[in-house]
Amino acid sequence: MNTFRWIGWTAAAAIALLTLAATQFVRQEELRSRPLLPLTFAHKDHRSVNCIQCHHNFVDSTGQGLCIACHKTDAKVAARIEPLFHTFCRDCHAAKHTAGEDAGPVRRCSDCHVPDDAP
């Protein structure tokens, strides 16, 4: 009787793990393939920030062009694109706001997610 119970729990755990793995795979594929919301980013408003704070590729020569070009297509980071950019940008703005400096948008999605005609 205990053997059957052990097999039942083991099978249930295996099914749960497989379901979780499949769900994560589908979520990553969904994030990688869906279109991104428009985003405004004015370089002229960020002149006080050292370029390498954002453009790591200047230092490690990993690429050129828009951030999104690599971050959307590189399988290592594509599935994490939203938390990466949200954390990176929002945390910088929040830190400046907390320090009493001009911080730009901090809270509302619509402050950043608007079309950008000229970076």
N, C-alpha and C. Protein backbone atom coordinates (compact mmCIF):
# COMPACT_ATOMS: atom_id res chain seq x y z
N MET A 1 0.82 -1.19 0.00
CA MET A 1 0.00 0.00 0.00
C MET A 1 0.87 1.26 0.00
N ASN A 2 1.92 1.31 0.80
CA ASN A 2 2.80 2.47 0.84
C ASN A 2 3.52 2.68 -0.49
N THR A 3 3.82 1.58 -1.19
CA THR A 3 4.48 1.69 -2.49
C THR A 3 3.57 2.41 -3.49
N PHE A 4 2.29 2.07 -3.48
CA PHE A 4 1.35 2.71 -4.39
C PHE A 4 1.19 4.19 -4.06
N ARG A 5 1.18 4.51 -2.79
CA ARG A 5 1.06 5.91 -2.37
C ARG A 5 2.30 6.69 -2.82
N TRP A 6 3.48 6.09 -2.65
CA TRP A 6 4.73 6.74 -3.06
C TRP A 6 4.73 6.96 -4.58
N ILE A 7 4.30 5.96 -5.33
CA ILE A 7 4.24 6.09 -6.80
C ILE A 7 3.25 7.19 -7.19
N GLY A 8 2.13 7.27 -6.50
CA GLY A 8 1.13 8.31 -6.78
C GLY A 8 1.68 9.70 -6.54
N TRP A 9 2.35 9.90 -5.40
CA TRP A 9 2.94 11.21 -5.09
C TRP A 9 4.06 11.55 -6.06
N THR A 10 4.87 10.57 -6.42
CA THR A 10 5.95 10.80 -7.37
C THR A 10 5.40 11.19 -8.73
N ALA A 11 4.36 10.49 -9.17
CA ALA A 11 3.74 10.81 -10.46
C ALA A 11 3.12 12.20 -10.42
N ALA A 12 2.46 12.54 -9.34
CA ALA A 12 1.85 13.88 -9.21
C ALA A 12 2.92 14.97 -9.24
N ALA A 13 4.03 14.73 -8.55
CA ALA A 13 5.12 15.71 -8.54
C ALA A 13 5.72 15.85 -9.93
N ALA A 14 5.90 14.75 -10.63
CA ALA A 14 6.46 14.79 -11.99
C ALA A 14 5.53 15.55 -12.93
N ILE A 15 4.24 15.32 -12.82
CA ILE A 15 3.27 16.04 -13.67
C ILE A 15 3.30 17.53 -13.36
N ALA A 16 3.38 17.87 -12.09
CA ALA A 16 3.43 19.28 -11.70
C ALA A 16 4.68 19.95 -12.25
N LEU A 17 5.83 19.29 -12.17
CA LEU A 17 7.07 19.86 -12.69
C LEU A 17 7.03 20.02 -14.21
N LEU A 18 6.51 19.03 -14.89
CA LEU A 18 6.39 19.12 -16.35
C LEU A 18 5.44 20.24 -16.76
N THR A 19 4.34 20.38 -16.05
CA THR A 19 3.39 21.45 -16.34
C THR A 19 4.04 22.81 -16.12
N LEU A 20 4.78 22.95 -15.03
CA LEU A 20 5.48 24.21 -14.75
C LEU A 20 6.50 24.52 -15.83
N ALA A 21 7.28 23.55 -16.24
CA ALA A 21 8.29 23.75 -17.28
C ALA A 21 7.63 24.15 -18.59
N ALA A 22 6.54 23.49 -18.95
CA ALA A 22 5.84 23.81 -20.20
C ALA A 22 5.27 25.22 -20.14
N THR A 23 4.72 25.60 -18.99
CA THR A 23 4.16 26.94 -18.82
C THR A 23 5.25 27.99 -18.97
N GLN A 24 6.41 27.76 -18.37
CA GLN A 24 7.52 28.71 -18.48
C GLN A 24 7.99 28.84 -19.92
N PHE A 25 8.07 27.73 -20.64
CA PHE A 25 8.49 27.76 -22.03
C PHE A 25 7.51 28.57 -22.86
N VAL A 26 6.23 28.34 -22.69
CA VAL A 26 5.21 29.08 -23.43
C VAL A 26 5.30 30.56 -23.09
N ARG A 27 5.47 30.90 -21.83
CA ARG A 27 5.58 32.31 -21.41
C ARG A 27 6.78 32.97 -22.05
N GLN A 28 7.93 32.29 -22.08
CA GLN A 28 9.13 32.85 -22.70
C GLN A 28 8.92 33.08 -24.19
N GLU A 29 8.30 32.13 -24.86
CA GLU A 29 8.02 32.28 -26.29
C GLU A 29 7.06 33.42 -26.54
N GLU A 30 6.06 33.56 -25.67
CA GLU A 30 5.09 34.64 -25.81
C GLU A 30 5.78 36.00 -25.66
N LEU A 31 6.62 36.13 -24.64
CA LEU A 31 7.33 37.39 -24.42
C LEU A 31 8.27 37.71 -25.57
N ARG A 32 8.93 36.70 -26.11
CA ARG A 32 9.89 36.90 -27.17
C ARG A 32 9.20 37.32 -28.48
N SER A 33 8.02 36.82 -28.74
CA SER A 33 7.40 37.03 -30.04
C SER A 33 6.41 38.19 -30.08
N ARG A 34 5.91 38.65 -28.95
CA ARG A 34 4.89 39.69 -29.00
C ARG A 34 5.52 41.06 -29.27
N PRO A 35 4.76 41.94 -29.89
CA PRO A 35 5.29 43.28 -30.15
C PRO A 35 5.45 44.05 -28.84
N LEU A 36 6.42 44.93 -28.83
CA LEU A 36 6.65 45.75 -27.64
C LEU A 36 5.84 47.04 -27.75
N LEU A 37 5.47 47.58 -26.62
CA LEU A 37 4.77 48.86 -26.62
C LEU A 37 5.72 49.95 -27.10
N PRO A 38 5.19 50.98 -27.73
CA PRO A 38 6.06 52.09 -28.13
C PRO A 38 6.71 52.70 -26.88
N LEU A 39 7.88 53.26 -27.07
CA LEU A 39 8.62 53.81 -25.94
C LEU A 39 9.33 55.08 -26.38
N THR A 40 9.20 56.11 -25.59
CA THR A 40 9.93 57.33 -25.87
C THR A 40 11.18 57.38 -25.01
N PHE A 41 12.27 57.77 -25.61
CA PHE A 41 13.52 57.94 -24.87
C PHE A 41 14.30 59.05 -25.55
N ALA A 42 14.41 60.17 -24.89
CA ALA A 42 15.13 61.31 -25.46
C ALA A 42 16.55 61.34 -24.92
N HIS A 43 17.51 61.08 -25.78
CA HIS A 43 18.91 61.12 -25.36
C HIS A 43 19.27 62.51 -24.83
N LYS A 44 18.69 63.55 -25.42
CA LYS A 44 19.02 64.92 -24.98
C LYS A 44 18.66 65.15 -23.51
N ASP A 45 17.67 64.42 -23.01
CA ASP A 45 17.29 64.55 -21.60
C ASP A 45 18.17 63.74 -20.67
N HIS A 46 19.06 62.95 -21.24
CA HIS A 46 19.91 62.07 -20.44
C HIS A 46 21.39 62.40 -20.60
N ARG A 47 21.70 63.62 -21.02
CA ARG A 47 23.10 64.00 -21.26
C ARG A 47 23.96 63.99 -20.01
N SER A 48 23.34 64.12 -18.85
CA SER A 48 24.11 64.11 -17.61
C SER A 48 24.51 62.69 -17.19
N VAL A 49 23.99 61.70 -17.88
CA VAL A 49 24.29 60.30 -17.56
C VAL A 49 25.40 59.81 -18.48
N ASN A 50 26.41 59.18 -17.92
CA ASN A 50 27.49 58.61 -18.71
C ASN A 50 26.91 57.54 -19.64
N CYS A 51 27.26 57.59 -20.91
CA CYS A 51 26.70 56.69 -21.92
C CYS A 51 26.83 55.21 -21.53
N ILE A 52 27.94 54.87 -20.89
CA ILE A 52 28.15 53.45 -20.58
C ILE A 52 27.25 52.95 -19.45
N GLN A 53 26.55 53.85 -18.78
CA GLN A 53 25.55 53.41 -17.80
C GLN A 53 24.48 52.56 -18.49
N CYS A 54 24.15 52.91 -19.71
CA CYS A 54 23.13 52.17 -20.47
C CYS A 54 23.74 51.34 -21.59
N HIS A 55 24.72 51.90 -22.28
CA HIS A 55 25.30 51.26 -23.45
C HIS A 55 26.50 50.40 -23.06
N HIS A 56 26.24 49.27 -22.45
CA HIS A 56 27.32 48.39 -22.04
C HIS A 56 28.13 47.93 -23.24
N ASN A 57 27.51 47.93 -24.41
CA ASN A 57 28.22 47.46 -25.61
C ASN A 57 29.34 48.42 -26.02
N PHE A 58 29.39 49.63 -25.48
CA PHE A 58 30.52 50.51 -25.74
C PHE A 58 31.77 49.95 -25.06
N VAL A 59 31.58 49.30 -23.92
CA VAL A 59 32.69 48.79 -23.13
C VAL A 59 33.11 47.40 -23.59
N ASP A 60 32.14 46.52 -23.78
CA ASP A 60 32.48 45.14 -24.10
C ASP A 60 32.37 44.80 -25.59
N SER A 61 32.11 45.80 -26.42
CA SER A 61 32.04 45.63 -27.89
C SER A 61 31.12 44.50 -28.32
N THR A 62 29.95 44.41 -27.69
CA THR A 62 29.03 43.33 -28.03
C THR A 62 28.05 43.71 -29.14
N GLY A 63 28.06 44.93 -29.57
CA GLY A 63 27.15 45.30 -30.65
C GLY A 63 26.96 46.79 -30.73
N GLN A 64 26.24 47.18 -31.73
CA GLN A 64 25.94 48.59 -31.93
C GLN A 64 24.47 48.72 -32.27
N GLY A 65 23.99 49.92 -32.30
CA GLY A 65 22.60 50.15 -32.65
C GLY A 65 21.72 50.25 -31.42
N LEU A 66 20.44 50.10 -31.66
CA LEU A 66 19.46 50.24 -30.59
C LEU A 66 19.53 49.08 -29.60
N CYS A 67 19.31 49.38 -28.35
CA CYS A 67 19.31 48.35 -27.30
C CYS A 67 18.37 47.21 -27.64
N ILE A 68 17.21 47.59 -28.10
CA ILE A 68 16.17 46.61 -28.35
C ILE A 68 16.57 45.61 -29.41
N ALA A 69 17.46 46.00 -30.32
CA ALA A 69 17.88 45.09 -31.39
C ALA A 69 18.47 43.80 -30.82
N CYS A 70 19.32 43.90 -29.83
CA CYS A 70 19.90 42.70 -29.20
C CYS A 70 18.99 42.13 -28.13
N HIS A 71 18.45 42.99 -27.31
CA HIS A 71 17.68 42.53 -26.18
C HIS A 71 16.38 41.84 -26.59
N LYS A 72 15.89 42.09 -27.77
CA LYS A 72 14.67 41.42 -28.25
C LYS A 72 15.02 40.12 -28.97
N THR A 73 16.20 40.04 -29.57
CA THR A 73 16.53 38.86 -30.38
C THR A 73 17.45 37.86 -29.68
N ASP A 74 18.19 38.29 -28.69
CA ASP A 74 19.10 37.39 -27.96
C ASP A 74 18.27 36.50 -27.04
N ALA A 75 18.31 35.21 -27.27
CA ALA A 75 17.49 34.27 -26.51
C ALA A 75 17.75 34.34 -25.01
N LYS A 76 18.97 34.72 -24.61
CA LYS A 76 19.31 34.78 -23.19
C LYS A 76 18.54 35.86 -22.45
N VAL A 77 18.24 36.95 -23.14
CA VAL A 77 17.60 38.07 -22.45
C VAL A 77 16.22 38.42 -22.98
N ALA A 78 15.83 37.88 -24.11
CA ALA A 78 14.55 38.26 -24.72
C ALA A 78 13.36 38.00 -23.82
N ALA A 79 13.35 36.89 -23.13
CA ALA A 79 12.22 36.56 -22.26
C ALA A 79 12.17 37.43 -21.01
N ARG A 80 13.28 38.11 -20.71
CA ARG A 80 13.34 38.97 -19.52
C ARG A 80 13.35 40.44 -19.88
N ILE A 81 12.97 40.78 -21.11
CA ILE A 81 13.14 42.15 -21.57
C ILE A 81 12.35 43.17 -20.74
N GLU A 82 11.10 42.86 -20.43
CA GLU A 82 10.32 43.83 -19.67
C GLU A 82 10.88 44.07 -18.27
N PRO A 83 11.13 43.02 -17.48
CA PRO A 83 11.69 43.31 -16.16
C PRO A 83 13.07 43.95 -16.23
N LEU A 84 13.87 43.59 -17.23
CA LEU A 84 15.19 44.20 -17.36
C LEU A 84 15.09 45.71 -17.55
N PHE A 85 14.32 46.12 -18.56
CA PHE A 85 14.22 47.54 -18.84
C PHE A 85 13.41 48.29 -17.80
N HIS A 86 12.32 47.70 -17.33
CA HIS A 86 11.55 48.38 -16.30
C HIS A 86 12.39 48.62 -15.06
N THR A 87 13.09 47.62 -14.61
CA THR A 87 13.92 47.77 -13.41
C THR A 87 15.04 48.77 -13.66
N PHE A 88 15.73 48.62 -14.77
CA PHE A 88 16.87 49.49 -15.06
C PHE A 88 16.46 50.95 -15.14
N CYS A 89 15.46 51.24 -15.96
CA CYS A 89 15.04 52.63 -16.16
C CYS A 89 14.31 53.19 -14.94
N ARG A 90 13.33 52.45 -14.45
CA ARG A 90 12.52 52.93 -13.33
C ARG A 90 13.36 53.14 -12.09
N ASP A 91 14.29 52.22 -11.80
CA ASP A 91 15.12 52.37 -10.61
C ASP A 91 16.00 53.62 -10.68
N CYS A 92 16.52 53.91 -11.86
CA CYS A 92 17.34 55.11 -12.02
C CYS A 92 16.50 56.37 -11.79
N HIS A 93 15.32 56.40 -12.39
CA HIS A 93 14.43 57.56 -12.21
C HIS A 93 14.00 57.68 -10.75
N ALA A 94 13.68 56.57 -10.11
CA ALA A 94 13.25 56.61 -8.71
C ALA A 94 14.37 57.08 -7.79
N ALA A 95 15.60 56.63 -8.05
CA ALA A 95 16.74 57.05 -7.23
C ALA A 95 16.98 58.55 -7.36
N LYS A 96 16.88 59.07 -8.57
CA LYS A 96 17.06 60.52 -8.77
C LYS A 96 15.93 61.29 -8.09
N HIS A 97 14.71 60.78 -8.20
CA HIS A 97 13.56 61.42 -7.57
C HIS A 97 13.75 61.47 -6.05
N THR A 98 14.19 60.36 -5.47
CA THR A 98 14.42 60.28 -4.03
C THR A 98 15.51 61.24 -3.59
N ALA A 99 16.52 61.43 -4.45
CA ALA A 99 17.62 62.34 -4.13
C ALA A 99 17.25 63.80 -4.36
N GLY A 100 16.01 64.05 -4.81
CA GLY A 100 15.57 65.42 -5.04
C GLY A 100 16.03 66.00 -6.36
N GLU A 101 16.54 65.16 -7.23
CA GLU A 101 17.01 65.62 -8.54
C GLU A 101 15.88 65.52 -9.56
N ASP A 102 16.07 66.19 -10.69
CA ASP A 102 15.12 66.07 -11.79
C ASP A 102 15.13 64.62 -12.24
N ALA A 103 13.98 63.96 -12.16
CA ALA A 103 13.95 62.53 -12.37
C ALA A 103 13.19 62.08 -13.61
N GLY A 104 12.40 62.94 -14.19
CA GLY A 104 11.58 62.49 -15.29
C GLY A 104 10.47 61.58 -14.78
N PRO A 105 9.85 60.82 -15.67
CA PRO A 105 8.71 59.99 -15.25
C PRO A 105 9.13 58.89 -14.28
N VAL A 106 8.26 58.63 -13.32
CA VAL A 106 8.58 57.63 -12.31
C VAL A 106 7.49 56.57 -12.19
N ARG A 107 6.23 56.93 -12.37
CA ARG A 107 5.17 55.99 -12.04
C ARG A 107 4.26 55.57 -13.19
N ARG A 108 3.73 56.50 -13.93
CA ARG A 108 2.70 56.16 -14.92
C ARG A 108 3.30 55.54 -16.17
N CYS A 109 2.73 54.43 -16.61
CA CYS A 109 3.19 53.75 -17.82
C CYS A 109 3.14 54.70 -19.02
N SER A 110 2.09 55.51 -19.09
CA SER A 110 1.89 56.38 -20.24
C SER A 110 2.91 57.51 -20.33
N ASP A 111 3.71 57.71 -19.29
CA ASP A 111 4.77 58.73 -19.37
C ASP A 111 5.92 58.27 -20.26
N CYS A 112 6.15 56.97 -20.33
CA CYS A 112 7.25 56.43 -21.14
C CYS A 112 6.74 55.73 -22.39
N HIS A 113 5.62 55.08 -22.29
CA HIS A 113 5.12 54.26 -23.40
C HIS A 113 4.27 55.09 -24.36
N VAL A 114 4.96 55.93 -25.10
CA VAL A 114 4.36 56.73 -26.18
C VAL A 114 5.31 56.65 -27.37
N PRO A 115 4.80 56.84 -28.59
CA PRO A 115 5.70 56.77 -29.75
C PRO A 115 6.81 57.81 -29.66
N ASP A 116 7.97 57.44 -30.14
CA ASP A 116 9.15 58.32 -30.13
C ASP A 116 9.60 58.53 -31.57
N ASP A 117 9.45 59.76 -32.06
CA ASP A 117 9.81 60.05 -33.44
C ASP A 117 11.30 60.20 -33.65
N ALA A 118 11.98 60.77 -32.66
CA ALA A 118 13.41 61.00 -32.83
C ALA A 118 14.12 60.77 -31.50
N PRO A 119 14.95 59.73 -31.45
CA PRO A 119 15.67 59.49 -30.19
C PRO A 119 16.71 60.55 -30.01
